């Protein structure tokens, strides 16, 4: 499936699109200072939202898709 590069995504969306579990994505956010900053937050600032293209670029360039069956679209 193809996604628009401008799609807004949350942790669950990122995990689903990459074939990972949400806790894995949450760990990347906590452990990697270079993980993209969210575009904005919803639910009184509790839920971050990113642009898909930015997250996809980070995942590919940092090698987080290595040894993983599903490729980012």
Protein backbone atom coordinates (compact mmCIF):
# COMPACT_ATOMS: atom_id res chain seq x y z
CA UNK A 1 0.00 0.00 0.00
CA UNK A 2 1.22 3.49 -0.82
CA UNK A 3 0.83 6.40 1.54
CA UNK A 4 0.92 10.09 0.93
CA UNK A 5 4.16 11.64 2.13
CA UNK A 6 2.10 14.33 3.82
CA UNK A 7 0.02 11.87 5.85
CA UNK A 8 -0.13 12.77 9.54
CA UNK A 9 0.77 9.72 11.65
CA UNK A 10 0.85 8.76 15.31
CA UNK A 11 2.82 6.02 17.05
CA UNK A 12 0.27 3.31 16.16
CA UNK A 13 0.21 4.38 12.51
CA UNK A 14 4.00 4.35 12.28
CA UNK A 15 4.19 0.90 13.86
CA UNK A 16 1.51 -0.52 11.57
CA UNK A 17 3.02 0.90 8.40
CA UNK A 18 6.46 -0.47 9.26
CA UNK A 19 5.30 -3.82 10.63
CA UNK A 20 6.53 -3.15 14.16
CA UNK A 21 4.75 -3.02 17.51
CA UNK A 22 3.87 0.39 18.95
CA UNK A 23 6.22 -0.06 21.97
CA UNK A 24 9.14 -0.39 19.54
CA UNK A 25 8.30 2.95 17.96
CA UNK A 26 7.84 4.52 21.40
CA UNK A 27 11.31 3.28 22.34
CA UNK A 28 12.83 4.87 19.24
CA UNK A 29 11.23 8.17 20.20
CA UNK A 30 12.60 7.96 23.76
CA UNK A 31 16.06 6.61 22.93
CA UNK A 32 17.00 8.48 19.76
CA UNK A 33 17.45 12.21 20.10
CA UNK A 34 17.47 12.47 16.32
CA UNK A 35 13.98 10.97 15.94
CA UNK A 36 11.91 13.62 14.12
CA UNK A 37 10.07 16.13 16.25
CA UNK A 38 6.27 15.98 15.95
CA UNK A 39 4.50 18.49 13.74
CA UNK A 40 1.88 19.05 16.41
CA UNK A 41 0.15 17.41 19.35
CA UNK A 42 -3.52 16.57 19.93
CA UNK A 43 -5.59 15.70 23.01
CA UNK A 44 -4.30 18.60 25.08
CA UNK A 45 -0.72 17.97 23.98
CA UNK A 46 -0.60 14.31 25.01
CA UNK A 47 -0.52 12.68 21.57
CA UNK A 48 2.24 13.62 19.11
CA UNK A 49 1.64 13.61 15.36
CA UNK A 50 4.36 13.42 12.72
CA UNK A 51 4.51 13.77 8.95
CA UNK A 52 4.92 10.29 7.44
CA UNK A 53 7.67 11.32 5.02
CA UNK A 54 9.84 12.65 7.85
CA UNK A 55 9.48 9.49 9.92
CA UNK A 56 9.99 7.21 6.91
CA UNK A 57 13.18 9.06 5.97
CA UNK A 58 14.50 8.71 9.53
CA UNK A 59 13.70 4.98 9.65
CA UNK A 60 15.40 4.32 6.31
CA UNK A 61 18.49 6.46 6.91
CA UNK A 62 19.11 5.09 10.41
CA UNK A 63 18.77 1.48 9.29
CA UNK A 64 15.79 0.62 11.47
CA UNK A 65 14.24 -1.30 8.59
CA UNK A 66 17.23 -3.64 8.34
CA UNK A 67 16.39 -7.29 8.97
CA UNK A 68 12.71 -6.50 8.75
CA UNK A 69 10.40 -8.14 6.20
CA UNK A 70 8.10 -5.21 5.49
CA UNK A 71 9.38 -2.12 3.70
CA UNK A 72 8.24 1.43 4.35
CA UNK A 73 6.09 2.79 1.55
